[in-house]
Protein backbone atom coordinates (compact mmCIF):
# COMPACT_ATOMS: atom_id res chain seq x y z
CA UNK A 1 5.70 -4.28 -22.00
CA UNK A 2 3.17 -1.58 -21.22
CA UNK A 3 4.02 1.90 -20.02
CA UNK A 4 2.28 1.15 -16.70
CA UNK A 5 4.28 -2.05 -16.24
CA UNK A 6 7.56 -0.22 -16.95
CA UNK A 7 6.54 2.48 -14.45
CA UNK A 8 5.80 -0.22 -11.85
CA UNK A 9 9.18 -1.88 -12.37
CA UNK A 10 10.89 1.48 -11.91
CA UNK A 11 9.04 2.07 -8.63
CA UNK A 12 10.01 -1.41 -7.37
CA UNK A 13 13.66 -0.71 -8.19
CA UNK A 14 13.44 2.44 -6.02
CA UNK A 15 12.31 0.44 -2.95
CA UNK A 16 15.51 -0.64 -1.16
CA UNK A 17 13.71 -3.30 0.90
CA UNK A 18 12.13 -4.83 -2.21
CA UNK A 19 15.53 -4.88 -3.91
CA UNK A 20 17.07 -6.51 -0.82
CA UNK A 21 14.45 -9.28 -0.89
CA UNK A 22 14.66 -9.72 -4.67
CA UNK A 23 11.01 -8.96 -5.40
CA UNK A 24 9.92 -9.20 -9.04
CA UNK A 25 6.95 -7.47 -10.67
CA UNK A 26 5.12 -10.07 -12.76
CA UNK A 27 1.95 -8.19 -13.72
CA UNK A 28 0.78 -4.60 -13.39
CA UNK A 29 -2.30 -3.28 -15.12
CA UNK A 30 -5.27 -1.18 -14.05
CA UNK A 31 -6.85 -2.86 -11.03
CA UNK A 32 -4.35 -5.73 -10.82
CA UNK A 33 -0.81 -6.47 -9.66
CA UNK A 34 1.35 -9.56 -9.16
CA UNK A 35 4.61 -9.62 -7.23
CA UNK A 36 6.87 -12.67 -6.93
CA UNK A 37 9.67 -13.58 -4.58
CA UNK A 38 12.11 -16.48 -4.86
CA UNK A 39 12.28 -18.33 -1.56
CA UNK A 40 15.73 -18.68 -0.04
CA UNK A 41 17.05 -19.68 3.36
CA UNK A 42 17.46 -16.13 4.66
CA UNK A 43 13.69 -15.58 4.37
CA UNK A 44 12.70 -18.54 6.56
CA UNK A 45 11.99 -18.83 10.25
CA UNK A 46 13.17 -21.59 12.62
CA UNK A 47 10.62 -24.17 11.40
CA UNK A 48 11.67 -23.80 7.76
CA UNK A 49 8.63 -21.79 6.64
CA UNK A 50 8.90 -18.40 4.96
CA UNK A 51 8.71 -15.86 7.79
CA UNK A 52 5.28 -14.29 8.27
CA UNK A 53 6.81 -10.84 7.97
CA UNK A 54 7.98 -11.67 4.44
CA UNK A 55 4.54 -13.00 3.48
CA UNK A 56 2.96 -9.87 4.98
CA UNK A 57 5.37 -7.56 3.14
CA UNK A 58 4.53 -9.23 -0.17
CA UNK A 59 0.77 -8.90 0.41
CA UNK A 60 1.09 -5.28 1.54
CA UNK A 61 3.17 -4.28 -1.47
CA UNK A 62 0.88 -6.10 -3.93
CA UNK A 63 -2.19 -4.42 -2.39
CA UNK A 64 -0.56 -1.01 -2.78
CA UNK A 65 0.46 -1.73 -6.36
CA UNK A 66 -3.10 -2.76 -7.25
CA UNK A 67 -4.57 0.33 -5.60
CA UNK A 68 -1.90 2.58 -7.06
CA UNK A 69 -2.68 1.27 -10.54
CA UNK A 70 -5.99 3.15 -10.42
CA UNK A 71 -5.18 5.97 -7.95
CA UNK A 72 -1.64 7.01 -8.81
CA UNK A 73 1.01 7.56 -6.13
CA UNK A 74 -0.38 5.74 -3.08
CA UNK A 75 0.35 4.20 0.30
CA UNK A 76 -1.32 1.58 2.44
CA UNK A 77 -3.52 3.13 5.12
CA UNK A 78 -4.52 -0.21 6.66
CA UNK A 79 -4.59 -3.91 5.89
CA UNK A 80 -5.38 -7.23 7.48
CA UNK A 81 -3.81 -10.57 6.71
CA UNK A 82 -4.86 -14.13 7.48
CA UNK A 83 -2.20 -16.82 7.36
CA UNK A 84 -3.82 -20.03 6.14
CA UNK A 85 -0.92 -22.48 6.13
CA UNK A 86 2.88 -22.48 6.28
CA UNK A 87 4.53 -20.88 3.26
CA UNK A 88 6.59 -23.67 1.71
CA UNK A 89 7.86 -23.71 -1.85
CA UNK A 90 10.35 -22.27 -4.30
CA UNK A 91 8.41 -19.06 -5.03
CA UNK A 92 5.83 -16.84 -3.37
CA UNK A 93 3.39 -15.00 -5.62
CA UNK A 94 1.06 -12.25 -4.40
CA UNK A 95 -1.94 -11.52 -6.64
CA UNK A 96 -3.86 -8.37 -5.76
CA UNK A 97 -6.97 -6.82 -7.27
CA UNK A 98 -9.03 -3.70 -6.66
CA UNK A 99 -12.46 -4.42 -5.20
CA UNK A 100 -13.67 -0.81 -5.16
CA UNK A 101 -12.00 2.52 -5.92
CA UNK A 102 -12.89 6.18 -5.60
CA UNK A 103 -10.83 9.30 -6.23
CA UNK A 104 -8.70 9.08 -3.07
CA UNK A 105 -8.80 5.48 -1.87
CA UNK A 106 -9.25 1.92 -3.03
CA UNK A 107 -10.09 -1.28 -1.20
CA UNK A 108 -8.04 -4.18 -2.50
CA UNK A 109 -7.71 -7.90 -1.84
CA UNK A 110 -4.73 -10.21 -2.23
CA UNK A 111 -3.95 -13.90 -2.24
CA UNK A 112 -0.40 -15.05 -1.54
CA UNK A 113 0.40 -18.45 -3.01
CA UNK A 114 3.42 -20.66 -2.51
CA UNK A 115 4.54 -22.41 -5.67
CA UNK A 116 6.25 -25.77 -5.21
CA UNK A 117 7.17 -27.82 -8.30
CA UNK A 118 4.57 -25.90 -10.33
CA UNK A 119 1.75 -26.51 -7.84
CA UNK A 120 0.15 -23.48 -6.17
CA UNK A 121 -1.21 -23.38 -2.62
CA UNK A 122 -2.81 -20.32 -1.06
CA UNK A 123 -0.88 -19.51 2.12
CA UNK A 124 -2.41 -16.14 3.05
CA UNK A 125 -5.18 -13.73 2.13
CA UNK A 126 -5.20 -10.00 2.81
CA UNK A 127 -7.45 -7.00 2.35
CA UNK A 128 -6.47 -3.38 2.64
CA UNK A 129 -7.31 0.25 2.05
CA UNK A 130 -4.93 2.11 -0.22
CA UNK A 131 -4.85 5.92 -0.11
CA UNK A 132 -3.69 8.30 -2.82
CA UNK A 133 -0.96 10.74 -1.78
CA UNK A 134 -1.60 14.40 -2.54
């Protein structure tokens, strides 16, 4: 494991909401981050899909991880998400990359996929601006 990946895991473990949901850091390197979440009943809405708020959380956090990988300690200053289809599957995976970065902010994009029996389907896309703190 890289030093950056270990740092990222430590940050995730300090986020009580991420711990509550059971979020897992799968990849973290300069300009890229992947976060995964096992789907369970408590994360679904009344139609049996993963709740949009959970999908949005995962995209937001992955965007901030990607931006933070090049900026340092960062927060999301804005983001937009498009839900493409219901999130159905055993696992959600958010893959985020940096599109452009300066000294104080980065613009990042993210795809959230639902994995069902090894097959991936994109369920949402997001784009956001990540801002360095300090």
